Amino acid sequence: MFGLADAYGNHGPQIVKKITDAGKIIFHALGDSGASNSGKYPNQLRVADQVTLDSASSTEPNRAAFLYHLGDIVYNFGEARYYYDQFYEPFRNYAAPIFAIPGNHDSFVVPGTKAGDVPLETFHAEFLFQAECDYG
């Protein structure tokens, strides 16, 4: 199991102790953030900006410990080439770990999908590979 303390690395035990001492955990949860700068889905980009602003402006006892992404990280079909524009760029300043589960856009395979661009394999490489290499 990959826990919150693992996600924070060397600071993990301190973060978990603060959460335990406070008796509460605060986190952001969102889904359907997959969007591009093309302007087709401008509200999705605003959500990334808002959770980043909330995380930066909240007092420490009220700051989210992580973001739980509920899927549809990348539109249209979870292609690897869109992860930077639709996920990494919008969430570049989010200061806490991001955990995710795949949605239908992150796992939908269309005819003609090339090897190496299978959406669930891409999702696995983006979200699980680091955890497996460093901690498991």
N, C-alpha and C. Protein backbone atom coordinates (compact mmCIF):
# COMPACT_ATOMS: atom_id res chain seq x y z
N MET A 1 0.84 -1.17 0.00
CA MET A 1 0.00 0.00 0.00
C MET A 1 0.89 1.24 0.00
N PHE A 2 0.53 2.21 -0.79
CA PHE A 2 1.24 3.49 -0.89
C PHE A 2 0.46 4.51 -0.08
N GLY A 3 1.02 4.91 1.05
CA GLY A 3 0.31 5.79 1.95
C GLY A 3 0.68 7.25 1.78
N LEU A 4 -0.04 8.09 2.47
CA LEU A 4 0.19 9.53 2.40
C LEU A 4 1.60 9.88 2.87
N ALA A 5 2.07 9.24 3.91
CA ALA A 5 3.43 9.50 4.39
C ALA A 5 4.45 9.19 3.29
N ASP A 6 4.23 8.13 2.53
CA ASP A 6 5.12 7.79 1.42
C ASP A 6 5.11 8.88 0.35
N ALA A 7 3.93 9.42 0.06
CA ALA A 7 3.80 10.44 -0.98
C ALA A 7 4.56 11.71 -0.62
N TYR A 8 4.68 12.00 0.66
CA TYR A 8 5.40 13.19 1.10
C TYR A 8 6.89 12.95 1.30
N GLY A 9 7.34 11.72 1.12
CA GLY A 9 8.76 11.44 1.25
C GLY A 9 9.27 11.69 2.66
N ASN A 10 10.38 12.38 2.78
CA ASN A 10 11.00 12.61 4.08
C ASN A 10 10.12 13.38 5.05
N HIS A 11 9.20 14.19 4.53
CA HIS A 11 8.31 14.97 5.38
C HIS A 11 7.05 14.19 5.78
N GLY A 12 6.88 13.01 5.25
CA GLY A 12 5.68 12.22 5.48
C GLY A 12 5.31 12.01 6.93
N PRO A 13 6.23 11.55 7.77
CA PRO A 13 5.86 11.33 9.17
C PRO A 13 5.38 12.61 9.87
N GLN A 14 5.98 13.74 9.54
CA GLN A 14 5.56 15.01 10.14
C GLN A 14 4.14 15.39 9.69
N ILE A 15 3.87 15.21 8.42
CA ILE A 15 2.54 15.54 7.88
C ILE A 15 1.48 14.65 8.52
N VAL A 16 1.74 13.37 8.57
CA VAL A 16 0.77 12.43 9.16
C VAL A 16 0.56 12.73 10.64
N LYS A 17 1.60 13.11 11.35
CA LYS A 17 1.46 13.47 12.77
C LYS A 17 0.58 14.69 12.93
N LYS A 18 0.75 15.69 12.08
CA LYS A 18 -0.10 16.89 12.15
C LYS A 18 -1.56 16.54 11.92
N ILE A 19 -1.81 15.67 10.96
CA ILE A 19 -3.19 15.24 10.67
C ILE A 19 -3.76 14.49 11.86
N THR A 20 -2.98 13.57 12.40
CA THR A 20 -3.42 12.78 13.55
C THR A 20 -3.68 13.67 14.76
N ASP A 21 -2.78 14.59 15.03
CA ASP A 21 -2.93 15.50 16.16
C ASP A 21 -4.16 16.40 16.00
N ALA A 22 -4.44 16.83 14.77
CA ALA A 22 -5.61 17.69 14.51
C ALA A 22 -6.92 16.91 14.60
N GLY A 23 -6.85 15.59 14.42
CA GLY A 23 -8.06 14.78 14.46
C GLY A 23 -8.93 14.94 13.23
N LYS A 24 -8.36 15.49 12.16
CA LYS A 24 -9.12 15.66 10.92
C LYS A 24 -8.15 15.64 9.74
N ILE A 25 -8.72 15.33 8.58
CA ILE A 25 -7.96 15.42 7.35
C ILE A 25 -8.80 16.18 6.34
N ILE A 26 -8.18 17.10 5.66
CA ILE A 26 -8.83 17.88 4.63
C ILE A 26 -8.17 17.53 3.31
N PHE A 27 -8.98 17.32 2.27
CA PHE A 27 -8.42 17.04 0.96
C PHE A 27 -9.35 17.61 -0.11
N HIS A 28 -8.80 17.85 -1.27
CA HIS A 28 -9.59 18.26 -2.43
C HIS A 28 -10.00 17.00 -3.18
N ALA A 29 -11.17 17.02 -3.78
CA ALA A 29 -11.62 15.94 -4.65
C ALA A 29 -12.26 16.58 -5.88
N LEU A 30 -11.90 16.07 -7.03
CA LEU A 30 -12.48 16.58 -8.28
C LEU A 30 -12.35 15.53 -9.35
N GLY A 31 -13.10 15.69 -10.39
CA GLY A 31 -13.03 14.82 -11.55
C GLY A 31 -13.30 15.63 -12.80
N ASP A 32 -13.11 14.99 -13.93
CA ASP A 32 -13.39 15.63 -15.22
C ASP A 32 -12.58 16.90 -15.43
N SER A 33 -11.33 16.89 -15.05
CA SER A 33 -10.51 18.10 -15.25
C SER A 33 -9.81 18.09 -16.60
N GLY A 34 -9.87 16.98 -17.31
CA GLY A 34 -9.19 16.89 -18.60
C GLY A 34 -9.65 18.00 -19.52
N ALA A 35 -8.75 18.82 -19.91
CA ALA A 35 -9.07 19.95 -20.78
C ALA A 35 -7.79 20.44 -21.41
N SER A 36 -7.94 21.30 -22.37
CA SER A 36 -6.77 21.86 -23.01
C SER A 36 -6.85 23.38 -22.99
N ASN A 37 -5.79 24.00 -23.37
CA ASN A 37 -5.76 25.46 -23.44
C ASN A 37 -6.49 25.98 -24.68
N SER A 38 -7.07 25.10 -25.46
CA SER A 38 -7.75 25.52 -26.69
C SER A 38 -9.02 26.30 -26.40
N GLY A 39 -9.47 26.29 -25.15
CA GLY A 39 -10.66 27.04 -24.79
C GLY A 39 -11.94 26.24 -24.87
N LYS A 40 -11.84 24.98 -25.25
CA LYS A 40 -13.05 24.17 -25.38
C LYS A 40 -13.67 23.88 -24.01
N TYR A 41 -12.84 23.71 -22.99
CA TYR A 41 -13.33 23.40 -21.64
C TYR A 41 -12.72 24.38 -20.63
N PRO A 42 -12.98 25.67 -20.72
CA PRO A 42 -12.30 26.63 -19.85
C PRO A 42 -12.60 26.44 -18.37
N ASN A 43 -13.78 25.95 -18.02
CA ASN A 43 -14.11 25.79 -16.60
C ASN A 43 -13.25 24.72 -15.92
N GLN A 44 -12.87 23.68 -16.67
CA GLN A 44 -12.00 22.67 -16.08
C GLN A 44 -10.66 23.28 -15.69
N LEU A 45 -10.13 24.16 -16.50
CA LEU A 45 -8.86 24.80 -16.17
C LEU A 45 -9.01 25.71 -14.96
N ARG A 46 -10.14 26.34 -14.81
CA ARG A 46 -10.38 27.19 -13.64
C ARG A 46 -10.43 26.37 -12.35
N VAL A 47 -10.92 25.15 -12.43
CA VAL A 47 -10.96 24.29 -11.24
C VAL A 47 -9.54 24.01 -10.75
N ALA A 48 -8.64 23.69 -11.65
CA ALA A 48 -7.24 23.47 -11.26
C ALA A 48 -6.67 24.72 -10.61
N ASP A 49 -6.96 25.87 -11.18
CA ASP A 49 -6.48 27.12 -10.59
C ASP A 49 -7.07 27.34 -9.20
N GLN A 50 -8.35 27.03 -9.03
CA GLN A 50 -9.01 27.28 -7.75
C GLN A 50 -8.50 26.38 -6.64
N VAL A 51 -8.31 25.08 -6.91
CA VAL A 51 -7.81 24.21 -5.84
C VAL A 51 -6.36 24.57 -5.50
N THR A 52 -5.61 25.02 -6.50
CA THR A 52 -4.23 25.46 -6.24
C THR A 52 -4.24 26.71 -5.38
N LEU A 53 -5.11 27.66 -5.70
CA LEU A 53 -5.22 28.89 -4.90
C LEU A 53 -5.69 28.57 -3.48
N ASP A 54 -6.67 27.69 -3.36
CA ASP A 54 -7.17 27.31 -2.04
C ASP A 54 -6.06 26.69 -1.20
N SER A 55 -5.29 25.81 -1.81
CA SER A 55 -4.20 25.15 -1.09
C SER A 55 -3.15 26.16 -0.64
N ALA A 56 -2.84 27.14 -1.49
CA ALA A 56 -1.81 28.13 -1.16
C ALA A 56 -2.29 29.16 -0.15
N SER A 57 -3.58 29.48 -0.14
CA SER A 57 -4.07 30.55 0.72
C SER A 57 -4.67 30.07 2.04
N SER A 58 -4.90 28.79 2.19
CA SER A 58 -5.47 28.26 3.43
C SER A 58 -4.43 28.27 4.54
N THR A 59 -4.91 28.46 5.75
CA THR A 59 -4.00 28.35 6.90
C THR A 59 -3.59 26.89 7.03
N GLU A 60 -2.46 26.67 7.65
CA GLU A 60 -1.94 25.30 7.71
C GLU A 60 -2.94 24.29 8.29
N PRO A 61 -3.66 24.60 9.37
CA PRO A 61 -4.62 23.61 9.88
C PRO A 61 -5.79 23.33 8.93
N ASN A 62 -6.00 24.22 7.96
CA ASN A 62 -7.12 24.06 7.03
C ASN A 62 -6.68 23.81 5.60
N ARG A 63 -5.42 23.47 5.41
CA ARG A 63 -4.88 23.22 4.08
C ARG A 63 -5.11 21.76 3.69
N ALA A 64 -5.48 21.56 2.44
CA ALA A 64 -5.69 20.20 1.95
C ALA A 64 -4.39 19.41 1.97
N ALA A 65 -4.47 18.17 2.44
CA ALA A 65 -3.29 17.31 2.52
C ALA A 65 -2.97 16.67 1.18
N PHE A 66 -3.97 16.55 0.30
CA PHE A 66 -3.78 15.96 -1.02
C PHE A 66 -4.98 16.26 -1.88
N LEU A 67 -4.88 15.93 -3.14
CA LEU A 67 -5.99 16.03 -4.08
C LEU A 67 -6.30 14.62 -4.54
N TYR A 68 -7.57 14.26 -4.50
CA TYR A 68 -8.01 12.96 -4.98
C TYR A 68 -8.76 13.19 -6.28
N HIS A 69 -8.14 12.80 -7.39
CA HIS A 69 -8.73 13.01 -8.72
C HIS A 69 -9.60 11.81 -9.05
N LEU A 70 -10.86 12.08 -9.37
CA LEU A 70 -11.85 11.04 -9.57
C LEU A 70 -12.00 10.57 -11.01
N GLY A 71 -11.06 10.94 -11.85
CA GLY A 71 -11.04 10.41 -13.21
C GLY A 71 -11.34 11.43 -14.29
N ASP A 72 -11.15 11.00 -15.51
CA ASP A 72 -11.20 11.85 -16.71
C ASP A 72 -10.15 12.94 -16.59
N ILE A 73 -8.93 12.48 -16.43
CA ILE A 73 -7.76 13.34 -16.27
C ILE A 73 -7.37 13.94 -17.60
N VAL A 74 -7.48 13.13 -18.66
CA VAL A 74 -7.07 13.56 -20.00
C VAL A 74 -8.19 13.25 -20.99
N TYR A 75 -8.63 14.28 -21.73
CA TYR A 75 -9.57 14.11 -22.82
C TYR A 75 -8.77 13.99 -24.10
N ASN A 76 -9.12 13.35 -25.07
CA ASN A 76 -10.35 12.67 -25.32
C ASN A 76 -10.27 11.20 -24.94
N PHE A 77 -9.17 10.57 -25.22
CA PHE A 77 -9.09 9.14 -24.96
C PHE A 77 -7.86 8.76 -24.17
N GLY A 78 -7.41 9.61 -23.26
CA GLY A 78 -6.30 9.29 -22.38
C GLY A 78 -4.95 9.15 -23.04
N GLU A 79 -4.76 9.79 -24.21
CA GLU A 79 -3.50 9.65 -24.92
C GLU A 79 -2.36 10.31 -24.16
N ALA A 80 -1.22 9.65 -24.18
CA ALA A 80 -0.04 10.14 -23.44
C ALA A 80 0.36 11.54 -23.87
N ARG A 81 0.20 11.85 -25.13
CA ARG A 81 0.66 13.16 -25.63
C ARG A 81 -0.12 14.33 -25.03
N TYR A 82 -1.26 14.07 -24.38
CA TYR A 82 -2.06 15.16 -23.81
C TYR A 82 -1.86 15.35 -22.30
N TYR A 83 -1.11 14.48 -21.66
CA TYR A 83 -0.95 14.60 -20.21
C TYR A 83 -0.31 15.92 -19.79
N TYR A 84 0.68 16.40 -20.54
CA TYR A 84 1.32 17.64 -20.13
C TYR A 84 0.33 18.80 -20.18
N ASP A 85 -0.33 19.02 -21.31
CA ASP A 85 -1.24 20.16 -21.45
C ASP A 85 -2.48 20.07 -20.57
N GLN A 86 -3.00 18.86 -20.39
CA GLN A 86 -4.27 18.71 -19.71
C GLN A 86 -4.16 18.36 -18.22
N PHE A 87 -2.99 17.91 -17.79
CA PHE A 87 -2.85 17.57 -16.37
C PHE A 87 -1.66 18.27 -15.73
N TYR A 88 -0.46 18.03 -16.23
CA TYR A 88 0.73 18.58 -15.57
C TYR A 88 0.76 20.11 -15.57
N GLU A 89 0.42 20.72 -16.69
CA GLU A 89 0.44 22.18 -16.76
C GLU A 89 -0.62 22.81 -15.84
N PRO A 90 -1.89 22.40 -15.90
CA PRO A 90 -2.88 23.02 -15.02
C PRO A 90 -2.60 22.82 -13.52
N PHE A 91 -2.02 21.69 -13.15
CA PHE A 91 -1.79 21.40 -11.73
C PHE A 91 -0.33 21.63 -11.32
N ARG A 92 0.44 22.32 -12.14
CA ARG A 92 1.88 22.49 -11.91
C ARG A 92 2.19 23.13 -10.56
N ASN A 93 1.33 24.00 -10.06
CA ASN A 93 1.60 24.69 -8.80
C ASN A 93 0.85 24.10 -7.61
N TYR A 94 0.15 22.99 -7.82
CA TYR A 94 -0.53 22.35 -6.69
C TYR A 94 0.54 21.74 -5.79
N ALA A 95 0.58 22.15 -4.54
CA ALA A 95 1.72 21.85 -3.68
C ALA A 95 1.61 20.55 -2.88
N ALA A 96 0.55 19.79 -3.05
CA ALA A 96 0.38 18.54 -2.30
C ALA A 96 0.33 17.37 -3.29
N PRO A 97 0.45 16.15 -2.78
CA PRO A 97 0.35 14.98 -3.66
C PRO A 97 -1.02 14.89 -4.34
N ILE A 98 -1.03 14.29 -5.52
CA ILE A 98 -2.27 14.05 -6.24
C ILE A 98 -2.39 12.55 -6.46
N PHE A 99 -3.49 11.99 -5.95
CA PHE A 99 -3.82 10.59 -6.15
C PHE A 99 -4.97 10.54 -7.15
N ALA A 100 -5.06 9.49 -7.94
CA ALA A 100 -6.09 9.45 -8.98
C ALA A 100 -6.57 8.04 -9.26
N ILE A 101 -7.79 7.97 -9.73
CA ILE A 101 -8.36 6.76 -10.30
C ILE A 101 -8.73 7.09 -11.75
N PRO A 102 -8.66 6.13 -12.65
CA PRO A 102 -8.99 6.43 -14.05
C PRO A 102 -10.50 6.52 -14.28
N GLY A 103 -10.88 7.44 -15.14
CA GLY A 103 -12.26 7.54 -15.58
C GLY A 103 -12.40 6.94 -16.97
N ASN A 104 -13.57 7.07 -17.57
CA ASN A 104 -13.79 6.47 -18.88
C ASN A 104 -12.87 7.09 -19.94
N HIS A 105 -12.58 8.37 -19.86
CA HIS A 105 -11.68 8.98 -20.85
C HIS A 105 -10.23 8.51 -20.67
N ASP A 106 -9.90 8.07 -19.47
CA ASP A 106 -8.55 7.60 -19.18
C ASP A 106 -8.38 6.11 -19.51
N SER A 107 -9.45 5.47 -19.94
CA SER A 107 -9.37 4.03 -20.19
C SER A 107 -10.04 3.60 -21.49
N PHE A 108 -10.62 4.51 -22.21
CA PHE A 108 -11.37 4.18 -23.42
C PHE A 108 -10.40 3.92 -24.57
N VAL A 109 -10.49 2.74 -25.15
CA VAL A 109 -9.61 2.38 -26.26
C VAL A 109 -10.39 2.45 -27.56
N VAL A 110 -9.90 3.24 -28.48
CA VAL A 110 -10.55 3.36 -29.79
C VAL A 110 -9.82 2.48 -30.80
N PRO A 111 -10.51 2.05 -31.83
CA PRO A 111 -9.84 1.25 -32.86
C PRO A 111 -8.63 1.99 -33.42
N GLY A 112 -7.56 1.26 -33.65
CA GLY A 112 -6.35 1.85 -34.20
C GLY A 112 -5.39 2.41 -33.16
N THR A 113 -5.71 2.21 -31.87
CA THR A 113 -4.80 2.67 -30.82
C THR A 113 -3.47 1.96 -30.97
N LYS A 114 -2.41 2.73 -30.98
CA LYS A 114 -1.07 2.17 -31.16
C LYS A 114 -0.52 1.63 -29.84
N ALA A 115 0.28 0.58 -29.93
CA ALA A 115 0.96 0.06 -28.75
C ALA A 115 1.75 1.19 -28.12
N GLY A 116 1.74 1.25 -26.81
CA GLY A 116 2.45 2.31 -26.11
C GLY A 116 1.57 3.52 -25.83
N ASP A 117 0.36 3.54 -26.41
CA ASP A 117 -0.56 4.64 -26.14
C ASP A 117 -1.92 4.10 -25.69
N VAL A 118 -1.91 2.93 -25.07
CA VAL A 118 -3.12 2.36 -24.51
C VAL A 118 -3.43 3.15 -23.24
N PRO A 119 -4.61 3.76 -23.13
CA PRO A 119 -4.89 4.68 -22.04
C PRO A 119 -4.61 4.17 -20.63
N LEU A 120 -5.03 2.97 -20.29
CA LEU A 120 -4.78 2.49 -18.93
C LEU A 120 -3.29 2.25 -18.68
N GLU A 121 -2.56 1.86 -19.72
CA GLU A 121 -1.11 1.72 -19.55
C GLU A 121 -0.47 3.08 -19.34
N THR A 122 -0.95 4.09 -20.04
CA THR A 122 -0.44 5.44 -19.86
C THR A 122 -0.77 5.94 -18.47
N PHE A 123 -2.01 5.75 -18.02
CA PHE A 123 -2.41 6.14 -16.67
C PHE A 123 -1.50 5.47 -15.64
N HIS A 124 -1.29 4.18 -15.81
CA HIS A 124 -0.42 3.43 -14.89
C HIS A 124 0.97 4.03 -14.86
N ALA A 125 1.51 4.35 -16.01
CA ALA A 125 2.86 4.92 -16.07
C ALA A 125 2.92 6.29 -15.41
N GLU A 126 1.88 7.10 -15.57
CA GLU A 126 1.87 8.45 -15.02
C GLU A 126 1.63 8.46 -13.51
N PHE A 127 0.79 7.56 -12.99
CA PHE A 127 0.40 7.63 -11.58
C PHE A 127 0.96 6.53 -10.70
N LEU A 128 1.30 5.39 -11.25
CA LEU A 128 1.69 4.28 -10.40
C LEU A 128 3.16 3.91 -10.51
N PHE A 129 3.77 4.20 -11.61
CA PHE A 129 5.16 3.79 -11.82
C PHE A 129 6.10 4.33 -10.77
N GLN A 130 6.00 5.61 -10.45
CA GLN A 130 6.89 6.23 -9.47
C GLN A 130 6.73 5.57 -8.10
N ALA A 131 5.50 5.33 -7.71
CA ALA A 131 5.26 4.72 -6.41
C ALA A 131 5.86 3.31 -6.35
N GLU A 132 5.69 2.54 -7.43
CA GLU A 132 6.22 1.19 -7.44
C GLU A 132 7.76 1.19 -7.43
N CYS A 133 8.36 2.11 -8.15
CA CYS A 133 9.81 2.15 -8.23
C CYS A 133 10.45 2.61 -6.94
N ASP A 134 9.88 3.62 -6.32
CA ASP A 134 10.48 4.20 -5.13
C ASP A 134 10.12 3.48 -3.84
N TYR A 135 8.95 2.90 -3.78
CA TYR A 135 8.47 2.40 -2.49
C TYR A 135 8.07 0.93 -2.49
N GLY A 136 8.09 0.26 -3.61
CA GLY A 136 7.56 -1.08 -3.55
C GLY A 136 8.36 -2.00 -4.28
